[in-house]
Amino acid sequence: MYRLSSLAYIPGIRSDHPAGAMTNKEALTQAIKNAGSASALARALGITPSAVLLWKEVPAGRIVDVERLTGISRFDLRSDICGPAPVQAA
């Protein structure tokens, strides 16, 4: 179990999916899993666990922080706002 005490990405925590492969809801679920729990994510964000559990998707103002904390791409967390993941040239 990881304890998130600051807004910093924890190395080694990665999504099981490439960027762009998840729905916003799946990305939120994976982010909570990567954080250890909704409570752990909430503590790191300075909000209540119930606030996180009420999210249907990550609020626009929290996208970057959740990405930094969990390693889940902003393009997965909110593809409706951030658009699709950029394609990297080979």
Protein backbone atom coordinates (compact mmCIF):
# COMPACT_ATOMS: atom_id res chain seq x y z
CA MET A 1 0.00 0.00 0.00
CA TYR A 2 1.29 3.44 -0.90
CA ARG A 3 0.77 6.49 1.22
CA LEU A 4 0.31 9.67 -0.73
CA SER A 5 1.54 12.53 1.39
CA SER A 6 2.29 15.10 -1.29
CA LEU A 7 1.35 15.94 -4.84
CA ALA A 8 4.10 13.87 -6.43
CA TYR A 9 3.97 10.93 -8.82
CA ILE A 10 4.96 7.66 -7.21
CA PRO A 11 7.32 5.74 -9.54
CA GLY A 12 6.30 2.22 -10.37
CA ILE A 13 2.56 2.90 -10.32
CA ARG A 14 1.35 2.61 -13.87
CA SER A 15 -1.90 2.09 -15.65
CA ASP A 16 -2.51 -1.37 -17.09
CA HIS A 17 -3.75 0.36 -20.24
CA PRO A 18 -1.98 2.55 -22.79
CA ALA A 19 -3.06 6.19 -22.78
CA GLY A 20 -6.37 6.68 -24.53
CA ALA A 21 -7.59 3.13 -23.98
CA MET A 22 -9.86 3.76 -20.97
CA THR A 23 -13.14 5.53 -20.46
CA ASN A 24 -13.11 8.46 -18.03
CA LYS A 25 -14.83 6.29 -15.40
CA GLU A 26 -12.37 3.41 -15.87
CA ALA A 27 -9.49 5.89 -15.55
CA LEU A 28 -10.94 7.26 -12.29
CA THR A 29 -11.33 3.73 -10.93
CA GLN A 30 -7.72 2.93 -11.88
CA ALA A 31 -6.49 6.17 -10.32
CA ILE A 32 -8.20 5.31 -7.02
CA LYS A 33 -6.68 1.82 -7.20
CA ASN A 34 -3.21 3.26 -7.89
CA ALA A 35 -3.56 5.63 -4.94
CA GLY A 36 -4.43 2.71 -2.66
CA SER A 37 -7.96 3.85 -1.90
CA ALA A 38 -10.36 6.74 -2.33
CA SER A 39 -9.36 7.85 1.17
CA ALA A 40 -5.66 7.92 0.28
CA LEU A 41 -6.35 9.91 -2.88
CA ALA A 42 -8.60 12.31 -0.99
CA ARG A 43 -5.97 12.89 1.72
CA ALA A 44 -3.34 13.66 -0.92
CA LEU A 45 -5.73 16.13 -2.57
CA GLY A 46 -6.80 17.71 0.73
CA ILE A 47 -10.46 16.80 0.31
CA THR A 48 -12.84 14.33 1.95
CA PRO A 49 -13.09 10.70 0.86
CA SER A 50 -16.81 11.17 0.24
CA ALA A 51 -16.01 13.89 -2.30
CA VAL A 52 -13.84 11.46 -4.29
CA LEU A 53 -16.47 8.74 -4.05
CA LEU A 54 -19.10 11.11 -5.46
CA TRP A 55 -17.06 11.81 -8.58
CA LYS A 56 -18.43 10.33 -11.77
CA GLU A 57 -15.28 11.66 -13.43
CA VAL A 58 -12.31 13.70 -12.21
CA PRO A 59 -13.27 17.38 -11.92
CA ALA A 60 -11.46 19.62 -14.42
CA GLY A 61 -9.58 21.44 -11.66
CA ARG A 62 -8.18 18.17 -10.27
CA ILE A 63 -6.98 16.49 -13.48
CA VAL A 64 -3.32 17.48 -13.25
CA ASP A 65 -3.05 16.63 -9.54
CA VAL A 66 -4.68 13.23 -9.99
CA GLU A 67 -2.41 12.52 -12.96
CA ARG A 68 0.67 13.49 -10.93
CA LEU A 69 -0.38 11.40 -7.94
CA THR A 70 -1.47 8.25 -9.73
CA GLY A 71 0.33 8.12 -13.04
CA ILE A 72 -2.95 7.91 -14.96
CA SER A 73 -2.77 10.10 -18.04
CA ARG A 74 -4.86 13.26 -18.18
CA PHE A 75 -5.97 12.06 -21.61
CA ASP A 76 -7.52 9.00 -19.96
CA LEU A 77 -8.87 10.86 -16.92
CA ARG A 78 -10.77 13.42 -19.01
CA SER A 79 -10.57 12.76 -22.72
CA ASP A 80 -13.58 15.05 -23.16
CA ILE A 81 -11.49 18.01 -21.94
CA CYS A 82 -7.91 17.01 -22.79
CA GLY A 83 -8.65 15.25 -26.05
CA PRO A 84 -7.00 12.07 -27.25
CA ALA A 85 -3.45 11.21 -26.25
CA PRO A 86 -0.89 12.64 -28.65
CA VAL A 87 0.55 10.15 -31.11
CA GLN A 88 4.30 9.77 -30.81
CA ALA A 89 6.27 9.52 -34.02
CA ALA A 90 8.11 6.25 -34.54
